[in-house]
Amino acid sequence: MSKIIPSLIHQSFLILVIVSISCPAEAGLLKRPSSFHQVTSKDGLSSEMVYAMAVHGEEIWFGTYGGGATLYNKSSKVYKAYTTKGEPMEKEDDGKSINWKNLLSYNHVSVIVPETDRIWFGTYFYGFGGGGISYYHPRKNSSWKRFNTNDGRAKKVVSMAVEGDWVWVGSEKGLSQLDKKTEGWKNFYSVQDGLPGNFVNSILNQPDCLWIGTNAGASQFQKAQKTWKTYSQKEGLTEPEIKSLVSIGRKIWAGGIGGTLFEYDPATNRWKRIEPTDSLKKGGIHSMVVAKEKVLICRDNGVSLYDLPTGQWESLTVSDGLLSNTVFCAAEDHNSIWFGTDKGASRLILGQ
């Protein structure tokens, strides 16, 4: 496993990005010492490499490398793994494990996006015949539905966004659009259509446009006009690969793979560099989330936190209770924040 991780990082795989909407909470710095609850394979995780997470009511979904998805029910305190390892979960399944009918597309889960009646999963596949997207619908007899990869595209899925009847899917080949009603692919966009790079690391959905973070800059896609505007070094994005995008009021933050933060101002239509003051500011960025009136920047050396009401920076590392300083993702719960790491998940308890 140790040989696999550097390879994944260099291939711009880690990512996933779940954008949360900030909720009212007590502003200010975190209480110290921090109170953490840890979850590892000993507790029920199908793999300790947690690349994506989503909170859906009383359920927590963990997307892992090599172990598929793990569902944790907070009420029953039961873990359930959905993985192609072992025997099929359904008797009607046959053939190779990556072709099992009633399961997610592959065991490397890179992004999870919940909506009211189902949970969407993006997976990452090295090779032929696997990868793509799936959804889980708990009230259907066959609860999992797999999708083809849009004529061979979207095998290495690293970002997704759900909008009404559409699912936007970012992969190593570009941006795909899925029609939820017909469950068929609608449109596909790549560098030939206006993307600055084909590797789509992040998708930020807004009412009139999509913001796309790629391996070669960011783009704004106007939905009605179907037009593209690219932003790169000339517009203030001095770091070429954008790993994550989050919305903060009328502003947008972008995180570069090397660790630089940028803010977009619609009034000037330009990006400016943000200068954090916490000790982790030089760490590479995997993802960003807005939760509890804070911007959480998940890095390869811990978590940088920016308190929106006060404008103060602070950080979380193993010294505060995190399982690992390699933090891939974060998700907001009603009284806590979950962090996915390469050693399991850490839940930061904020109060009862």
Protein backbone atom coordinates (compact mmCIF):
# COMPACT_ATOMS: atom_id res chain seq x y z
CA MET A 1 0.00 0.00 0.00
CA SER A 2 2.83 2.42 0.78
CA LYS A 3 3.94 2.30 -2.85
CA ILE A 4 0.43 3.08 -4.08
CA ILE A 5 -0.18 6.32 -2.19
CA PRO A 6 2.53 8.53 -3.78
CA SER A 7 1.37 7.34 -7.19
CA LEU A 8 -2.17 8.41 -6.47
CA ILE A 9 -1.08 11.85 -5.32
CA HIS A 10 1.01 12.47 -8.43
CA GLN A 11 -1.90 11.46 -10.67
CA SER A 12 -4.11 14.15 -9.15
CA PHE A 13 -6.56 11.53 -7.91
CA LEU A 14 -7.24 12.57 -4.38
CA ILE A 15 -10.00 14.55 -4.33
CA LEU A 16 -13.00 14.71 -3.73
CA VAL A 17 -14.75 17.43 -3.00
CA ILE A 18 -18.00 17.77 -1.03
CA VAL A 19 -19.28 21.37 -0.77
CA SER A 20 -21.35 21.99 2.38
CA ILE A 21 -23.51 24.98 3.15
CA SER A 22 -22.53 26.84 6.28
CA CYS A 23 -24.96 26.70 9.18
CA PRO A 24 -25.35 28.99 12.15
CA ALA A 25 -22.96 28.01 14.91
CA GLU A 26 -20.92 29.55 17.62
CA ALA A 27 -18.18 31.58 15.98
CA GLY A 28 -14.62 31.78 17.15
CA LEU A 29 -11.68 29.51 17.66
CA LEU A 30 -12.09 25.83 18.55
CA LYS A 31 -12.12 24.82 22.17
CA ARG A 32 -8.85 23.29 23.38
CA PRO A 33 -8.05 20.56 24.10
CA SER A 34 -9.98 19.11 21.17
CA SER A 35 -12.33 16.17 21.64
CA PHE A 36 -12.00 13.49 18.94
CA HIS A 37 -13.69 10.16 18.27
CA GLN A 38 -11.70 7.85 15.97
CA VAL A 39 -13.04 5.28 13.48
CA THR A 40 -10.76 2.65 11.92
CA SER A 41 -11.03 -0.81 10.37
CA LYS A 42 -11.28 -2.22 13.90
CA ASP A 43 -14.57 -0.38 14.28
CA GLY A 44 -15.99 -1.40 10.91
CA LEU A 45 -14.40 0.64 8.12
CA SER A 46 -13.86 -1.45 4.99
CA SER A 47 -10.54 0.38 4.44
CA GLU A 48 -8.70 2.99 6.47
CA MET A 49 -7.93 5.12 3.38
CA VAL A 50 -10.95 7.45 3.55
CA TYR A 51 -11.05 9.67 0.45
CA ALA A 52 -14.68 10.85 0.60
CA MET A 53 -17.45 11.24 3.16
CA ALA A 54 -21.07 12.36 3.27
CA VAL A 55 -23.53 12.89 6.11
CA HIS A 56 -27.12 11.92 5.26
CA GLY A 57 -29.41 12.26 8.26
CA GLU A 58 -28.39 9.65 10.82
CA GLU A 59 -26.12 7.93 8.31
CA ILE A 60 -22.45 8.52 7.55
CA TRP A 61 -21.00 7.25 4.28
CA PHE A 62 -17.24 6.65 3.99
CA GLY A 63 -15.68 6.27 0.54
CA THR A 64 -12.42 4.35 0.68
CA TYR A 65 -9.49 3.24 -1.43
CA GLY A 66 -9.77 -0.48 -2.15
CA GLY A 67 -12.64 -1.11 0.27
CA GLY A 68 -15.60 0.42 -1.51
CA ALA A 69 -18.09 2.30 0.66
CA THR A 70 -18.90 1.86 4.34
CA LEU A 71 -22.25 2.94 5.78
CA TYR A 72 -22.47 3.82 9.47
CA ASN A 73 -25.84 4.28 11.14
CA LYS A 74 -25.47 6.55 14.17
CA SER A 75 -28.75 5.39 15.72
CA SER A 76 -28.06 1.64 15.57
CA LYS A 77 -24.27 2.08 15.70
CA VAL A 78 -23.96 -0.52 12.93
CA TYR A 79 -21.37 -0.51 10.11
CA LYS A 80 -22.10 -2.09 6.73
CA ALA A 81 -19.53 -2.43 3.94
CA TYR A 82 -20.39 -2.34 0.22
CA THR A 83 -17.39 -3.81 -1.57
CA THR A 84 -16.55 -6.15 -4.45
CA LYS A 85 -14.26 -8.09 -2.14
CA GLY A 86 -15.47 -11.52 -1.02
CA GLU A 87 -18.74 -13.06 -2.13
CA PRO A 88 -21.55 -11.17 -3.92
CA MET A 89 -24.04 -9.48 -1.59
CA GLU A 90 -26.93 -10.54 -3.83
CA LYS A 91 -27.57 -14.12 -5.02
CA GLU A 92 -28.41 -13.02 -8.57
CA ASP A 93 -24.95 -11.52 -9.06
CA ASP A 94 -22.46 -13.57 -11.03
CA GLY A 95 -19.29 -13.14 -13.07
CA LYS A 96 -16.34 -10.97 -12.13
CA SER A 97 -16.64 -8.86 -9.01
CA ILE A 98 -16.32 -5.55 -10.89
CA ASN A 99 -19.39 -6.57 -12.90
CA TRP A 100 -21.64 -7.43 -9.95
CA LYS A 101 -25.04 -5.95 -10.72
CA ASN A 102 -26.17 -4.72 -7.32
CA LEU A 103 -23.11 -2.81 -6.16
CA LEU A 104 -21.13 0.36 -6.75
CA SER A 105 -18.96 0.63 -9.86
CA TYR A 106 -15.62 -0.09 -8.21
CA ASN A 107 -13.82 -0.26 -4.86
CA HIS A 108 -11.89 3.01 -5.17
CA VAL A 109 -14.51 5.59 -4.11
CA SER A 110 -13.34 9.15 -4.73
CA VAL A 111 -16.51 11.25 -4.28
CA ILE A 112 -19.91 10.89 -2.58
CA VAL A 113 -22.84 13.27 -3.16
CA PRO A 114 -26.09 12.75 -1.23
CA GLU A 115 -29.53 13.95 -2.25
CA THR A 116 -32.98 13.35 -0.77
CA ASP A 117 -33.73 9.84 -2.04
CA ARG A 118 -30.37 8.47 -3.11
CA ILE A 119 -26.61 8.71 -2.70
CA TRP A 120 -24.29 9.17 -5.70
CA PHE A 121 -20.81 7.62 -5.83
CA GLY A 122 -17.92 8.32 -8.16
CA THR A 123 -15.18 5.70 -8.46
CA TYR A 124 -11.67 5.62 -9.86
CA PHE A 125 -10.44 2.70 -11.93
CA TYR A 126 -7.01 1.74 -13.32
CA GLY A 127 -7.67 -0.40 -16.37
CA PHE A 128 -10.61 -1.53 -18.49
CA GLY A 129 -14.16 -2.52 -17.64
CA GLY A 130 -14.64 -0.73 -14.33
CA GLY A 131 -15.00 2.70 -12.81
CA GLY A 132 -17.68 5.28 -13.46
CA ILE A 133 -20.59 6.19 -11.21
CA SER A 134 -23.33 4.52 -9.18
CA TYR A 135 -26.20 5.50 -6.97
CA TYR A 136 -27.64 3.85 -3.89
CA HIS A 137 -31.41 3.99 -3.42
CA PRO A 138 -32.36 2.34 -0.10
CA ARG A 139 -36.07 2.01 -0.96
CA LYS A 140 -35.58 0.08 -4.20
CA ASN A 141 -35.38 -3.71 -4.38
CA SER A 142 -32.08 -3.53 -6.23
CA SER A 143 -30.70 -0.65 -4.22
CA TRP A 144 -27.58 -0.03 -6.35
CA LYS A 145 -27.59 1.24 -9.95
CA ARG A 146 -24.42 1.36 -12.04
CA PHE A 147 -23.88 3.49 -15.12
CA ASN A 148 -21.78 3.05 -18.20
CA THR A 149 -18.85 5.39 -18.64
CA ASN A 150 -20.24 7.57 -21.44
CA ASP A 151 -18.53 5.86 -24.37
CA GLY A 152 -15.41 5.11 -22.36
CA ARG A 153 -15.27 8.46 -20.60
CA ALA A 154 -15.58 9.08 -16.85
CA LYS A 155 -13.68 6.01 -15.67
CA LYS A 156 -11.55 7.98 -13.24
CA VAL A 157 -14.31 10.02 -11.59
CA VAL A 158 -13.01 12.54 -9.06
CA SER A 159 -15.80 15.12 -8.77
CA MET A 160 -19.60 15.28 -8.99
CA ALA A 161 -22.44 17.75 -8.49
CA VAL A 162 -26.19 17.11 -8.47
CA GLU A 163 -28.50 19.81 -9.85
CA GLY A 164 -32.20 19.14 -10.34
CA ASP A 165 -32.52 16.56 -13.11
CA TRP A 166 -28.80 16.57 -13.86
CA VAL A 167 -25.67 14.99 -12.44
CA TRP A 168 -22.39 16.63 -13.47
CA VAL A 169 -19.45 14.22 -13.48
CA GLY A 170 -15.78 15.22 -13.58
CA SER A 171 -13.16 12.72 -14.70
CA GLU A 172 -9.75 12.46 -16.31
CA LYS A 173 -11.36 13.01 -19.72
CA GLY A 174 -13.52 16.07 -19.01
CA LEU A 175 -17.02 16.98 -17.80
CA SER A 176 -20.01 14.69 -18.42
CA GLN A 177 -23.71 15.45 -17.90
CA LEU A 178 -26.14 12.70 -16.87
CA ASP A 179 -29.91 12.99 -17.20
CA LYS A 180 -31.44 11.54 -14.01
CA LYS A 181 -34.86 11.00 -15.60
CA THR A 182 -33.67 8.93 -18.53
CA GLU A 183 -30.49 7.77 -16.74
CA GLY A 184 -28.61 8.46 -19.95
CA TRP A 185 -25.65 10.69 -20.77
CA LYS A 186 -26.55 14.04 -22.28
CA ASN A 187 -23.49 16.22 -22.95
CA PHE A 188 -19.71 15.96 -22.69
CA TYR A 189 -17.18 18.81 -22.51
CA SER A 190 -13.39 18.73 -22.82
CA VAL A 191 -10.55 21.08 -23.78
CA GLN A 192 -11.96 21.16 -27.29
CA ASP A 193 -15.12 22.78 -25.91
CA GLY A 194 -13.58 25.28 -23.49
CA LEU A 195 -12.14 23.47 -20.48
CA PRO A 196 -8.56 24.54 -19.66
CA GLY A 197 -7.65 20.96 -18.76
CA ASN A 198 -9.39 17.59 -19.08
CA PHE A 199 -8.76 16.40 -15.51
CA VAL A 200 -11.75 17.84 -13.66
CA ASN A 201 -10.83 17.91 -9.96
CA SER A 202 -13.73 20.00 -8.66
CA ILE A 203 -17.27 21.08 -9.64
CA LEU A 204 -19.01 23.96 -7.90
CA ASN A 205 -22.66 24.39 -8.85
CA GLN A 206 -24.26 27.84 -8.75
CA PRO A 207 -27.71 28.95 -9.99
CA ASP A 208 -26.57 30.32 -13.35
CA CYS A 209 -23.20 28.67 -13.85
CA LEU A 210 -20.79 25.90 -13.01
CA TRP A 211 -17.25 26.53 -11.77
CA ILE A 212 -14.82 23.82 -12.82
CA GLY A 213 -11.38 23.28 -11.26
CA THR A 214 -8.97 21.38 -13.50
CA ASN A 215 -5.33 20.39 -13.82
CA ALA A 216 -4.75 23.51 -15.95
CA GLY A 217 -6.79 26.25 -14.30
CA ALA A 218 -10.46 27.02 -13.62
CA SER A 219 -13.41 27.63 -15.92
CA GLN A 220 -16.83 29.18 -15.55
CA PHE A 221 -19.59 27.55 -17.61
CA GLN A 222 -22.71 29.63 -18.23
CA LYS A 223 -25.55 27.08 -18.34
CA ALA A 224 -28.05 29.03 -20.44
CA GLN A 225 -25.60 30.25 -23.08
CA LYS A 226 -23.37 27.15 -22.86
CA THR A 227 -20.31 29.40 -22.96
CA TRP A 228 -16.96 29.03 -21.21
CA LYS A 229 -14.63 31.53 -19.55
CA THR A 230 -11.18 30.27 -18.54
CA TYR A 231 -9.15 31.67 -15.64
CA SER A 232 -5.43 31.04 -15.29
CA GLN A 233 -2.28 32.97 -14.44
CA LYS A 234 -3.35 36.06 -16.40
CA GLU A 235 -6.50 36.33 -14.26
CA GLY A 236 -4.62 35.81 -10.98
CA LEU A 237 -4.56 31.99 -10.64
CA THR A 238 -0.80 31.64 -10.35
CA GLU A 239 -0.97 27.94 -9.46
CA PRO A 240 -2.05 25.92 -12.49
CA GLU A 241 -3.79 22.89 -10.95
CA ILE A 242 -6.95 23.69 -8.96
CA LYS A 243 -7.96 20.91 -6.59
CA SER A 244 -10.98 22.39 -4.84
CA LEU A 245 -13.60 25.14 -5.13
CA VAL A 246 -16.03 26.40 -2.48
CA SER A 247 -18.59 29.19 -2.37
CA ILE A 248 -18.39 31.76 0.44
CA GLY A 249 -21.15 34.30 0.02
CA ARG A 250 -20.59 36.06 -3.29
CA LYS A 251 -16.92 35.08 -3.27
CA ILE A 252 -15.35 31.80 -4.37
CA TRP A 253 -12.24 30.21 -2.93
CA ALA A 254 -9.95 27.97 -4.97
CA GLY A 255 -7.27 25.67 -3.59
CA GLY A 256 -4.22 24.82 -5.66
CA ILE A 257 -2.61 21.40 -5.49
CA GLY A 258 0.59 22.95 -4.11
CA GLY A 259 -1.22 24.63 -1.23
CA THR A 260 -1.97 28.15 -2.48
CA LEU A 261 -5.40 29.67 -1.80
CA PHE A 262 -7.17 32.13 -4.10
CA GLU A 263 -10.34 34.21 -3.86
CA TYR A 264 -12.52 35.24 -6.80
CA ASP A 265 -14.19 38.64 -6.73
CA PRO A 266 -17.09 38.90 -9.21
CA ALA A 267 -16.86 42.70 -9.15
CA THR A 268 -13.41 42.62 -10.76
CA ASN A 269 -13.72 39.21 -12.46
CA ARG A 270 -10.28 38.33 -11.13
CA TRP A 271 -8.62 36.09 -8.56
CA LYS A 272 -6.33 37.23 -5.77
CA ARG A 273 -4.04 35.21 -3.56
CA ILE A 274 -5.08 34.56 0.06
CA GLU A 275 -2.31 34.63 2.66
CA PRO A 276 -3.15 32.29 5.57
CA THR A 277 -1.44 32.86 8.90
CA ASP A 278 -1.69 29.34 10.32
CA SER A 279 1.32 27.03 10.57
CA LEU A 280 0.09 24.64 7.84
CA LYS A 281 -0.19 27.17 5.03
CA LYS A 282 2.43 25.49 2.83
CA GLY A 283 0.80 22.05 2.86
CA GLY A 284 -0.66 20.64 -0.35
CA ILE A 285 -4.45 20.87 -0.65
CA HIS A 286 -6.73 17.86 -1.21
CA SER A 287 -10.16 19.44 -0.65
CA MET A 288 -12.07 22.27 1.04
CA VAL A 289 -15.41 22.43 2.86
CA VAL A 290 -17.41 25.23 4.47
CA ALA A 291 -18.86 24.03 7.80
CA LYS A 292 -19.79 25.59 11.15
CA GLU A 293 -18.96 29.08 9.82
CA LYS A 294 -15.43 27.94 9.04
CA VAL A 295 -13.53 27.13 5.87
CA LEU A 296 -11.78 23.79 6.34
CA ILE A 297 -8.75 23.22 4.12
CA CYS A 298 -7.75 19.54 4.10
CA ARG A 299 -4.03 19.32 3.47
CA ASP A 300 -1.22 16.78 3.43
CA ASN A 301 0.06 18.19 6.74
CA GLY A 302 -3.22 18.65 8.64
CA VAL A 303 -6.27 20.92 8.45
CA SER A 304 -6.21 24.70 8.15
CA LEU A 305 -9.32 26.43 9.53
CA TYR A 306 -10.47 29.95 8.72
CA ASP A 307 -13.16 31.39 10.99
CA LEU A 308 -15.46 33.46 8.78
CA PRO A 309 -16.93 35.82 11.44
CA THR A 310 -13.57 36.74 13.02
CA GLY A 311 -11.14 36.24 10.12
CA GLN A 312 -8.84 34.18 12.34
CA TRP A 313 -6.76 31.18 11.24
CA GLU A 314 -5.92 28.06 13.24
CA SER A 315 -4.93 24.47 12.50
CA LEU A 316 -5.57 20.86 13.48
CA THR A 317 -2.92 18.12 13.42
CA VAL A 318 -2.16 14.81 15.12
CA SER A 319 -1.04 16.78 18.15
CA ASP A 320 -4.66 17.94 18.54
CA GLY A 321 -6.09 14.43 18.10
CA LEU A 322 -6.34 13.79 14.35
CA LEU A 323 -5.55 10.20 13.35
CA SER A 324 -3.15 11.44 10.67
CA ASN A 325 -1.88 14.67 9.16
CA THR A 326 -2.79 13.39 5.69
CA VAL A 327 -6.37 14.63 5.49
CA PHE A 328 -8.30 14.02 2.27
CA CYS A 329 -11.80 15.26 3.03
CA ALA A 330 -14.23 16.66 5.61
CA ALA A 331 -17.98 16.54 6.20
CA GLU A 332 -20.28 18.40 8.58
CA ASP A 333 -22.48 16.68 11.15
CA HIS A 334 -24.94 18.49 13.41
CA ASN A 335 -22.57 18.77 16.38
CA SER A 336 -19.27 17.67 14.88
CA ILE A 337 -17.00 17.59 11.85
CA TRP A 338 -15.68 14.39 10.28
CA PHE A 339 -12.23 14.19 8.69
CA GLY A 340 -11.13 11.42 6.33
CA THR A 341 -7.45 10.45 6.53
CA ASP A 342 -5.09 7.73 5.36
CA LYS A 343 -5.49 5.99 8.74
CA GLY A 344 -9.25 6.17 9.18
CA ALA A 345 -11.78 8.86 10.11
CA SER A 346 -11.60 11.39 12.94
CA ARG A 347 -14.74 13.00 14.32
CA LEU A 348 -14.19 16.36 16.00
CA ILE A 349 -16.85 16.82 18.69
CA LEU A 350 -17.93 20.46 18.94
CA GLY A 351 -20.56 20.14 21.68
CA GLN A 352 -23.85 18.53 22.55
